[in-house]
Structures are given as structure tokens and as C-alpha cells.
Amino acid sequence: MFLGSSTPVGAKQLWKTRAPPRVRFFIWLALHGRCWTAERRFRHGLQTSDTCIICDQSSETLDHLVLGCVFSREVWGILLRRLQLGHLLVVEQPIFDWWLKARKTFNKPFRAGFDSFFFLMAWNLWKERNVRTFQGVQRSASKLADDIHQELNSWCSAGYRGLVALAARLA
């Protein structure tokens, strides 16, 4: 039944990463290219433009939303500096390639935490995009970063051990 099937890049790490089920399901959909971005809706003839709702500069793909959008880069920059991880350069490229490359820069105790942090970031950037798309409400990058920081603390309180080790670096 599975002869000739292929596993998407990052699938093995996905199911090992500690995150709420809805977040892991979202990442699983993203791995398979099944998130309904503006680019995908445009390609299927469901809307007239594929422009990013956040920056209004590029085509809204998941790679753009999570890593390439100027707003997303600003949020990443704020939180990476808070975690003393400013050395990680966020560039627009396939998000799972970037994630797998970036996670290798950590030793084992912090790798699991970085994986959870990456999922948290992708999930919250996706939620911000949905709020802007469907409710017309916008938050500033610093407000979103503060909200993600609060959610990170909630995940730590919920027992996501790897994330606790990473969060200990917060200033």
C-alpha cells in the first residue's frame, strides 16, 4: 500500500516535537502544502489576487508568511533577540528547510525546545494572518511578539520540557 510513497521533509521531527495537537496538525498540513494561502486560493480560482494580506508586497505562500514577510521577520527578530538567538538569520526559503537547518545549530537539550518554538511561531503567524484576513484586525509586530511570548510561557506551564530549557534564556 505504501510502496513508492515518500515522506515529506521534516515529517519525522514533526511527530517527535512537543506541541498541542492542533499545532502539530497545522504543521502536518503545511508539510503537505495543504494550507489555504492566498496563492493557493488564487491558483484554484477562488479569489482575484494572491497578494500577502500582511505586507501587500509578495505572493502569499506559507514560506512567505512564516519567513519572508517583512512583518514576520520583524516578529522573528524580536523573539530571537529575546531568546539570545540573534545569530539565526531568517531568510525567505522553504520553511521546513530553514527549520531543519536552524535546529542543527543547537545541542540536543535545546533542539527539542527550538522545534516547539518554531511550531509556536509558525502557528501564531498563521493565526495573525487569519485574523487579518477574516476579521480585519491587525496587531503590531511587538504586540504579536508579546502575545507569542505569553503563549510560550503557557506552553512551558503545560509541561513542554524542551521549551522550558529554551525559555530560560529569555531576558
N, C-alpha and C. Protein backbone atom coordinates (compact mmCIF):
# COMPACT_ATOMS: atom_id res chain seq x y z
N MET A 1 0.82 -1.19 0.00
CA MET A 1 0.00 0.00 0.00
C MET A 1 0.87 1.26 0.00
N PHE A 2 2.01 1.23 0.69
CA PHE A 2 2.85 2.42 0.77
C PHE A 2 4.05 2.35 -0.16
N LEU A 3 4.10 1.37 -1.03
CA LEU A 3 5.20 1.22 -1.97
C LEU A 3 5.25 2.45 -2.88
N GLY A 4 6.39 3.08 -2.92
CA GLY A 4 6.58 4.25 -3.75
C GLY A 4 6.17 5.56 -3.09
N SER A 5 5.66 5.48 -1.87
CA SER A 5 5.29 6.72 -1.18
C SER A 5 6.54 7.41 -0.67
N SER A 6 6.42 8.69 -0.47
CA SER A 6 7.56 9.45 0.05
C SER A 6 7.13 10.21 1.29
N THR A 7 8.07 10.45 2.16
CA THR A 7 7.82 11.19 3.39
C THR A 7 8.29 12.62 3.20
N PRO A 8 7.46 13.60 3.52
CA PRO A 8 7.89 15.00 3.37
C PRO A 8 9.06 15.31 4.30
N VAL A 9 9.86 16.28 3.90
CA VAL A 9 10.97 16.73 4.71
C VAL A 9 10.43 17.23 6.04
N GLY A 10 10.98 16.73 7.14
CA GLY A 10 10.57 17.17 8.47
C GLY A 10 9.48 16.35 9.11
N ALA A 11 8.92 15.37 8.41
CA ALA A 11 7.82 14.59 8.97
C ALA A 11 8.24 13.81 10.20
N LYS A 12 9.43 13.28 10.18
CA LYS A 12 9.94 12.51 11.32
C LYS A 12 10.03 13.40 12.57
N GLN A 13 10.56 14.60 12.41
CA GLN A 13 10.70 15.52 13.53
C GLN A 13 9.35 16.05 14.00
N LEU A 14 8.40 16.18 13.08
CA LEU A 14 7.08 16.71 13.42
C LEU A 14 6.44 15.91 14.54
N TRP A 15 6.41 14.61 14.43
CA TRP A 15 5.68 13.80 15.40
C TRP A 15 6.45 13.63 16.70
N LYS A 16 7.74 13.98 16.71
CA LYS A 16 8.52 13.93 17.94
C LYS A 16 8.47 15.25 18.71
N THR A 17 8.05 16.32 18.05
CA THR A 17 8.05 17.64 18.67
C THR A 17 6.87 17.80 19.62
N ARG A 18 7.16 18.35 20.78
CA ARG A 18 6.12 18.60 21.77
C ARG A 18 5.39 19.89 21.43
N ALA A 19 4.12 19.75 21.11
CA ALA A 19 3.26 20.89 20.79
C ALA A 19 1.81 20.39 20.90
N PRO A 20 0.87 21.30 21.10
CA PRO A 20 -0.54 20.88 21.14
C PRO A 20 -0.94 20.20 19.82
N PRO A 21 -1.87 19.27 19.89
CA PRO A 21 -2.28 18.53 18.68
C PRO A 21 -2.71 19.42 17.53
N ARG A 22 -3.45 20.50 17.80
CA ARG A 22 -3.90 21.36 16.70
C ARG A 22 -2.73 22.03 15.99
N VAL A 23 -1.67 22.33 16.73
CA VAL A 23 -0.48 22.95 16.14
C VAL A 23 0.27 21.93 15.29
N ARG A 24 0.42 20.71 15.81
CA ARG A 24 1.10 19.67 15.02
C ARG A 24 0.30 19.33 13.77
N PHE A 25 -1.03 19.34 13.87
CA PHE A 25 -1.86 19.09 12.69
C PHE A 25 -1.67 20.19 11.66
N PHE A 26 -1.61 21.45 12.12
CA PHE A 26 -1.35 22.56 11.21
C PHE A 26 0.00 22.38 10.51
N ILE A 27 1.04 22.02 11.26
CA ILE A 27 2.37 21.81 10.67
C ILE A 27 2.32 20.64 9.68
N TRP A 28 1.56 19.61 10.01
CA TRP A 28 1.41 18.47 9.09
C TRP A 28 0.77 18.93 7.78
N LEU A 29 -0.28 19.75 7.87
CA LEU A 29 -0.90 20.30 6.66
C LEU A 29 0.10 21.14 5.87
N ALA A 30 0.88 21.95 6.59
CA ALA A 30 1.89 22.78 5.93
C ALA A 30 2.93 21.93 5.24
N LEU A 31 3.37 20.85 5.88
CA LEU A 31 4.34 19.94 5.26
C LEU A 31 3.84 19.40 3.93
N HIS A 32 2.55 19.17 3.86
CA HIS A 32 1.95 18.61 2.65
C HIS A 32 1.43 19.68 1.69
N GLY A 33 1.67 20.95 2.00
CA GLY A 33 1.25 22.04 1.11
C GLY A 33 -0.25 22.20 1.02
N ARG A 34 -0.95 21.97 2.12
CA ARG A 34 -2.41 22.00 2.11
C ARG A 34 -3.03 23.17 2.86
N CYS A 35 -2.25 24.18 3.20
CA CYS A 35 -2.80 25.37 3.86
C CYS A 35 -3.36 26.30 2.79
N TRP A 36 -4.54 26.85 3.05
CA TRP A 36 -5.22 27.69 2.07
C TRP A 36 -4.72 29.12 2.13
N THR A 37 -3.54 29.32 1.60
CA THR A 37 -2.98 30.66 1.48
C THR A 37 -3.64 31.38 0.31
N ALA A 38 -3.38 32.67 0.19
CA ALA A 38 -3.96 33.44 -0.93
C ALA A 38 -3.45 32.90 -2.26
N GLU A 39 -2.20 32.48 -2.29
CA GLU A 39 -1.64 31.92 -3.53
C GLU A 39 -2.41 30.67 -3.95
N ARG A 40 -2.73 29.81 -2.99
CA ARG A 40 -3.45 28.57 -3.31
C ARG A 40 -4.89 28.87 -3.73
N ARG A 41 -5.55 29.78 -3.01
CA ARG A 41 -6.92 30.16 -3.39
C ARG A 41 -6.95 30.80 -4.77
N PHE A 42 -5.97 31.64 -5.08
CA PHE A 42 -5.86 32.28 -6.39
C PHE A 42 -5.65 31.23 -7.48
N ARG A 43 -4.77 30.28 -7.22
CA ARG A 43 -4.48 29.21 -8.17
C ARG A 43 -5.72 28.38 -8.48
N HIS A 44 -6.61 28.23 -7.50
CA HIS A 44 -7.84 27.46 -7.68
C HIS A 44 -9.00 28.32 -8.17
N GLY A 45 -8.72 29.60 -8.46
CA GLY A 45 -9.75 30.48 -8.99
C GLY A 45 -10.76 30.96 -7.95
N LEU A 46 -10.38 30.95 -6.66
CA LEU A 46 -11.30 31.33 -5.60
C LEU A 46 -11.18 32.79 -5.20
N GLN A 47 -10.15 33.47 -5.68
CA GLN A 47 -10.00 34.91 -5.42
C GLN A 47 -9.22 35.53 -6.56
N THR A 48 -9.23 36.86 -6.61
CA THR A 48 -8.66 37.57 -7.75
C THR A 48 -7.20 37.95 -7.59
N SER A 49 -6.64 37.83 -6.39
CA SER A 49 -5.25 38.22 -6.17
C SER A 49 -4.60 37.25 -5.20
N ASP A 50 -3.29 37.08 -5.34
CA ASP A 50 -2.56 36.23 -4.40
C ASP A 50 -1.62 37.03 -3.50
N THR A 51 -1.87 38.34 -3.40
CA THR A 51 -1.01 39.23 -2.63
C THR A 51 -1.15 38.97 -1.13
N CYS A 52 -0.04 39.03 -0.44
CA CYS A 52 0.01 38.83 1.01
C CYS A 52 -0.85 39.86 1.73
N ILE A 53 -1.72 39.39 2.59
CA ILE A 53 -2.62 40.27 3.34
C ILE A 53 -1.86 41.11 4.36
N ILE A 54 -0.70 40.65 4.77
CA ILE A 54 0.06 41.34 5.82
C ILE A 54 0.92 42.46 5.24
N CYS A 55 1.73 42.14 4.23
CA CYS A 55 2.67 43.14 3.72
C CYS A 55 2.24 43.76 2.39
N ASP A 56 1.33 43.13 1.68
CA ASP A 56 0.85 43.62 0.39
C ASP A 56 1.99 43.81 -0.61
N GLN A 57 3.02 42.96 -0.52
CA GLN A 57 4.19 43.10 -1.39
C GLN A 57 4.46 41.88 -2.26
N SER A 58 4.18 40.69 -1.74
CA SER A 58 4.54 39.46 -2.45
C SER A 58 3.36 38.51 -2.49
N SER A 59 3.56 37.42 -3.19
CA SER A 59 2.57 36.37 -3.23
C SER A 59 2.50 35.69 -1.87
N GLU A 60 1.29 35.45 -1.37
CA GLU A 60 1.11 34.87 -0.03
C GLU A 60 1.22 33.36 -0.09
N THR A 61 2.43 32.87 0.08
CA THR A 61 2.67 31.44 0.25
C THR A 61 2.97 31.21 1.72
N LEU A 62 2.96 29.98 2.15
CA LEU A 62 3.27 29.70 3.55
C LEU A 62 4.72 30.06 3.86
N ASP A 63 5.62 29.79 2.92
CA ASP A 63 7.03 30.16 3.12
C ASP A 63 7.16 31.67 3.31
N HIS A 64 6.41 32.43 2.53
CA HIS A 64 6.44 33.89 2.66
C HIS A 64 5.85 34.33 4.00
N LEU A 65 4.70 33.77 4.38
CA LEU A 65 4.05 34.17 5.62
C LEU A 65 4.91 33.92 6.85
N VAL A 66 5.58 32.78 6.89
CA VAL A 66 6.32 32.40 8.09
C VAL A 66 7.72 33.01 8.12
N LEU A 67 8.39 33.09 6.99
CA LEU A 67 9.79 33.55 6.99
C LEU A 67 10.07 34.78 6.14
N GLY A 68 9.33 35.01 5.08
CA GLY A 68 9.71 36.04 4.12
C GLY A 68 9.06 37.40 4.29
N CYS A 69 7.88 37.44 4.87
CA CYS A 69 7.15 38.70 5.02
C CYS A 69 7.92 39.62 5.97
N VAL A 70 7.97 40.90 5.64
CA VAL A 70 8.70 41.85 6.50
C VAL A 70 8.12 41.87 7.91
N PHE A 71 6.82 41.74 8.05
CA PHE A 71 6.19 41.69 9.36
C PHE A 71 6.65 40.45 10.13
N SER A 72 6.63 39.30 9.47
CA SER A 72 7.07 38.05 10.11
C SER A 72 8.52 38.12 10.53
N ARG A 73 9.36 38.68 9.67
CA ARG A 73 10.78 38.83 10.01
C ARG A 73 10.96 39.72 11.24
N GLU A 74 10.15 40.76 11.34
CA GLU A 74 10.24 41.64 12.50
C GLU A 74 9.87 40.89 13.78
N VAL A 75 8.79 40.09 13.72
CA VAL A 75 8.37 39.30 14.89
C VAL A 75 9.45 38.29 15.24
N TRP A 76 9.98 37.58 14.24
CA TRP A 76 11.07 36.63 14.48
C TRP A 76 12.26 37.35 15.14
N GLY A 77 12.62 38.51 14.60
CA GLY A 77 13.76 39.24 15.14
C GLY A 77 13.58 39.61 16.60
N ILE A 78 12.39 40.08 16.95
CA ILE A 78 12.11 40.46 18.34
C ILE A 78 12.28 39.27 19.26
N LEU A 79 11.66 38.16 18.90
CA LEU A 79 11.69 37.00 19.79
C LEU A 79 13.06 36.30 19.79
N LEU A 80 13.73 36.24 18.65
CA LEU A 80 15.06 35.62 18.64
C LEU A 80 16.04 36.43 19.47
N ARG A 81 15.92 37.76 19.44
CA ARG A 81 16.79 38.59 20.29
C ARG A 81 16.49 38.36 21.77
N ARG A 82 15.20 38.24 22.10
CA ARG A 82 14.82 37.97 23.50
C ARG A 82 15.40 36.64 23.98
N LEU A 83 15.44 35.66 23.08
CA LEU A 83 15.96 34.33 23.43
C LEU A 83 17.47 34.24 23.27
N GLN A 84 18.10 35.36 22.95
CA GLN A 84 19.54 35.42 22.71
C GLN A 84 19.94 34.49 21.57
N LEU A 85 19.10 34.47 20.54
CA LEU A 85 19.34 33.64 19.35
C LEU A 85 19.44 34.51 18.10
N GLY A 86 19.93 35.73 18.28
CA GLY A 86 20.02 36.66 17.16
C GLY A 86 20.91 36.17 16.03
N HIS A 87 21.73 35.15 16.29
CA HIS A 87 22.61 34.62 15.25
C HIS A 87 21.83 33.87 14.16
N LEU A 88 20.60 33.45 14.46
CA LEU A 88 19.80 32.75 13.46
C LEU A 88 19.26 33.76 12.46
N LEU A 89 19.65 33.62 11.23
CA LEU A 89 19.22 34.54 10.19
C LEU A 89 17.97 33.98 9.53
N VAL A 90 16.89 34.75 9.59
CA VAL A 90 15.63 34.33 8.99
C VAL A 90 15.58 34.86 7.57
N VAL A 91 15.57 33.95 6.60
CA VAL A 91 15.52 34.33 5.19
C VAL A 91 14.37 33.57 4.53
N GLU A 92 13.83 34.19 3.49
CA GLU A 92 12.73 33.53 2.80
C GLU A 92 13.27 32.36 1.99
N GLN A 93 12.86 31.20 2.40
CA GLN A 93 13.20 29.94 1.74
C GLN A 93 12.15 28.94 2.19
N PRO A 94 12.15 27.74 1.67
CA PRO A 94 11.18 26.77 2.18
C PRO A 94 11.31 26.64 3.70
N ILE A 95 10.19 26.83 4.40
CA ILE A 95 10.25 26.93 5.86
C ILE A 95 10.80 25.67 6.51
N PHE A 96 10.52 24.52 5.96
CA PHE A 96 10.98 23.30 6.61
C PHE A 96 12.47 23.07 6.36
N ASP A 97 12.97 23.54 5.23
CA ASP A 97 14.42 23.50 5.01
C ASP A 97 15.13 24.40 6.02
N TRP A 98 14.59 25.63 6.22
CA TRP A 98 15.18 26.55 7.18
C TRP A 98 15.14 25.97 8.59
N TRP A 99 13.98 25.41 8.98
CA TRP A 99 13.81 24.85 10.31
C TRP A 99 14.82 23.73 10.57
N LEU A 100 14.92 22.80 9.63
CA LEU A 100 15.83 21.66 9.82
C LEU A 100 17.29 22.10 9.86
N LYS A 101 17.62 23.11 9.09
CA LYS A 101 18.98 23.65 9.12
C LYS A 101 19.24 24.39 10.43
N ALA A 102 18.30 25.22 10.86
CA ALA A 102 18.47 26.01 12.08
C ALA A 102 18.53 25.13 13.32
N ARG A 103 17.75 24.06 13.36
CA ARG A 103 17.73 23.20 14.55
C ARG A 103 19.06 22.49 14.76
N LYS A 104 19.80 22.31 13.69
CA LYS A 104 21.10 21.64 13.81
C LYS A 104 22.16 22.52 14.47
N THR A 105 21.87 23.81 14.62
CA THR A 105 22.83 24.70 15.28
C THR A 105 22.74 24.59 16.80
N PHE A 106 21.76 23.83 17.30
CA PHE A 106 21.57 23.67 18.75
C PHE A 106 22.08 22.31 19.20
N ASN A 107 22.58 22.27 20.44
CA ASN A 107 22.91 20.97 21.00
C ASN A 107 21.60 20.31 21.45
N LYS A 108 21.65 19.04 21.75
CA LYS A 108 20.44 18.24 22.00
C LYS A 108 19.48 18.83 23.04
N PRO A 109 19.96 19.34 24.19
CA PRO A 109 18.99 19.84 25.18
C PRO A 109 18.12 20.99 24.66
N PHE A 110 18.65 21.80 23.74
CA PHE A 110 17.89 22.94 23.24
C PHE A 110 17.16 22.64 21.93
N ARG A 111 17.51 21.57 21.25
CA ARG A 111 16.91 21.28 19.95
C ARG A 111 15.40 21.04 20.05
N ALA A 112 14.99 20.26 21.04
CA ALA A 112 13.56 19.99 21.22
C ALA A 112 12.81 21.28 21.52
N GLY A 113 13.42 22.14 22.31
CA GLY A 113 12.80 23.43 22.62
C GLY A 113 12.69 24.31 21.39
N PHE A 114 13.74 24.31 20.56
CA PHE A 114 13.68 25.10 19.33
C PHE A 114 12.60 24.58 18.40
N ASP A 115 12.45 23.27 18.32
CA ASP A 115 11.38 22.70 17.48
C ASP A 115 10.01 23.20 17.93
N SER A 116 9.77 23.15 19.23
CA SER A 116 8.49 23.64 19.77
C SER A 116 8.34 25.13 19.51
N PHE A 117 9.42 25.89 19.67
CA PHE A 117 9.39 27.33 19.42
C PHE A 117 9.07 27.61 17.95
N PHE A 118 9.67 26.87 17.04
CA PHE A 118 9.39 27.05 15.62
C PHE A 118 7.91 26.80 15.33
N PHE A 119 7.35 25.73 15.90
CA PHE A 119 5.93 25.42 15.70
C PHE A 119 5.07 26.55 16.27
N LEU A 120 5.43 27.05 17.44
CA LEU A 120 4.71 28.14 18.08
C LEU A 120 4.71 29.39 17.19
N MET A 121 5.86 29.71 16.62
CA MET A 121 5.97 30.87 15.74
C MET A 121 5.13 30.70 14.48
N ALA A 122 5.27 29.57 13.81
CA ALA A 122 4.52 29.34 12.57
C ALA A 122 3.02 29.38 12.84
N TRP A 123 2.60 28.75 13.92
CA TRP A 123 1.18 28.71 14.29
C TRP A 123 0.64 30.12 14.55
N ASN A 124 1.37 30.93 15.29
CA ASN A 124 0.90 32.27 15.63
C ASN A 124 0.94 33.22 14.44
N LEU A 125 1.91 33.07 13.56
CA LEU A 125 1.93 33.88 12.35
C LEU A 125 0.75 33.52 11.44
N TRP A 126 0.42 32.23 11.39
CA TRP A 126 -0.75 31.78 10.62
C TRP A 126 -2.04 32.34 11.24
N LYS A 127 -2.15 32.30 12.56
CA LYS A 127 -3.33 32.84 13.22
C LYS A 127 -3.45 34.35 12.99
N GLU A 128 -2.32 35.07 13.02
CA GLU A 128 -2.35 36.51 12.75
C GLU A 128 -2.85 36.78 11.34
N ARG A 129 -2.38 35.98 10.40
CA ARG A 129 -2.83 36.13 9.01
C ARG A 129 -4.33 35.88 8.90
N ASN A 130 -4.84 34.88 9.63
CA ASN A 130 -6.28 34.59 9.59
C ASN A 130 -7.10 35.70 10.22
N VAL A 131 -6.64 36.25 11.32
CA VAL A 131 -7.36 37.36 11.96
C VAL A 131 -7.41 38.56 11.02
N ARG A 132 -6.30 38.84 10.36
CA ARG A 132 -6.28 39.96 9.41
C ARG A 132 -7.19 39.69 8.21
N THR A 133 -7.19 38.46 7.73
CA THR A 133 -7.99 38.10 6.56
C THR A 133 -9.48 38.10 6.86
N PHE A 134 -9.88 37.49 7.95
CA PHE A 134 -11.30 37.25 8.19
C PHE A 134 -11.96 38.23 9.15
N GLN A 135 -11.18 38.93 9.97
CA GLN A 135 -11.77 39.86 10.93
C GLN A 135 -11.31 41.30 10.71
N GLY A 136 -10.28 41.49 9.89
CA GLY A 136 -9.79 42.83 9.60
C GLY A 136 -9.10 43.50 10.77
N VAL A 137 -8.63 42.73 11.73
CA VAL A 137 -7.96 43.26 12.92
C VAL A 137 -6.46 43.05 12.77
N GLN A 138 -5.67 44.08 13.10
CA GLN A 138 -4.22 43.99 12.97
C GLN A 138 -3.55 44.27 14.30
N ARG A 139 -2.48 43.53 14.57
CA ARG A 139 -1.63 43.81 15.73
C ARG A 139 -0.28 44.26 15.21
N SER A 140 0.41 45.04 16.00
CA SER A 140 1.78 45.42 15.63
C SER A 140 2.69 44.21 15.86
N ALA A 141 3.87 44.27 15.27
CA ALA A 141 4.83 43.18 15.43
C ALA A 141 5.22 43.01 16.90
N SER A 142 5.39 44.11 17.61
CA SER A 142 5.78 43.99 19.02
C SER A 142 4.64 43.41 19.86
N LYS A 143 3.39 43.77 19.56
CA LYS A 143 2.25 43.20 20.28
C LYS A 143 2.14 41.71 20.01
N LEU A 144 2.30 41.30 18.75
CA LEU A 144 2.25 39.88 18.42
C LEU A 144 3.39 39.14 19.12
N ALA A 145 4.58 39.73 19.14
CA ALA A 145 5.72 39.10 19.82
C ALA A 145 5.43 38.93 21.31
N ASP A 146 4.81 39.94 21.93
CA ASP A 146 4.45 39.84 23.35
C ASP A 146 3.42 38.72 23.57
N ASP A 147 2.45 38.62 22.66
CA ASP A 147 1.43 37.57 22.77
C ASP A 147 2.05 36.19 22.59
N ILE A 148 2.99 36.06 21.66
CA ILE A 148 3.67 34.78 21.46
C ILE A 148 4.50 34.44 22.69
N HIS A 149 5.15 35.44 23.27
CA HIS A 149 5.92 35.24 24.49
C HIS A 149 5.01 34.71 25.61
N GLN A 150 3.81 35.27 25.75
CA GLN A 150 2.86 34.80 26.76
C GLN A 150 2.44 33.36 26.47
N GLU A 151 2.19 33.06 25.20
CA GLU A 151 1.80 31.69 24.85
C GLU A 151 2.95 30.73 25.10
N LEU A 152 4.17 31.16 24.84
CA LEU A 152 5.35 30.34 25.13
C LEU A 152 5.39 30.01 26.62
N ASN A 153 5.11 30.99 27.47
CA ASN A 153 5.07 30.74 28.91
C ASN A 153 3.95 29.77 29.27
N SER A 154 2.83 29.85 28.57
CA SER A 154 1.72 28.91 28.81
C SER A 154 2.12 27.49 28.43
N TRP A 155 2.81 27.34 27.31
CA TRP A 155 3.28 26.02 26.88
C TRP A 155 4.27 25.48 27.91
N CYS A 156 5.12 26.34 28.44
CA CYS A 156 6.08 25.91 29.47
C CYS A 156 5.33 25.45 30.71
N SER A 157 4.30 26.19 31.11
CA SER A 157 3.50 25.81 32.28
C SER A 157 2.77 24.49 32.05
N ALA A 158 2.46 24.21 30.79
CA ALA A 158 1.76 22.97 30.45
C ALA A 158 2.71 21.77 30.44
N GLY A 159 4.00 22.01 30.59
CA GLY A 159 4.94 20.90 30.72
C GLY A 159 5.76 20.57 29.49
N TYR A 160 5.86 21.47 28.54
CA TYR A 160 6.70 21.22 27.37
C TYR A 160 8.16 21.44 27.76
N ARG A 161 8.80 20.35 28.22
CA ARG A 161 10.11 20.41 28.85
C ARG A 161 11.19 21.06 27.99
N GLY A 162 11.29 20.70 26.75
CA GLY A 162 12.32 21.27 25.89
C GLY A 162 12.19 22.77 25.75
N LEU A 163 10.96 23.22 25.71
CA LEU A 163 10.71 24.65 25.59
C LEU A 163 11.09 25.39 26.87
N VAL A 164 10.96 24.73 28.00
CA VAL A 164 11.34 25.34 29.28
C VAL A 164 12.84 25.68 29.26
N ALA A 165 13.66 24.76 28.75
CA ALA A 165 15.11 24.99 28.70
C ALA A 165 15.43 26.18 27.79
N LEU A 166 14.72 26.28 26.68
CA LEU A 166 14.94 27.40 25.77
C LEU A 166 14.42 28.71 26.37
N ALA A 167 13.27 28.65 27.02
CA ALA A 167 12.65 29.84 27.59
C ALA A 167 13.46 30.39 28.76
N ALA A 168 14.28 29.57 29.38
CA ALA A 168 15.12 30.03 30.48
C ALA A 168 16.10 31.10 30.00
N ARG A 169 16.32 31.16 28.71
CA ARG A 169 17.23 32.16 28.13
C ARG A 169 16.57 33.52 27.97
N LEU A 170 15.24 33.59 28.17
CA LEU A 170 14.53 34.85 27.98
C LEU A 170 15.01 35.90 28.97
N ALA A 171 15.13 37.09 28.46
CA ALA A 171 15.57 38.21 29.33
C ALA A 171 14.41 38.76 30.11
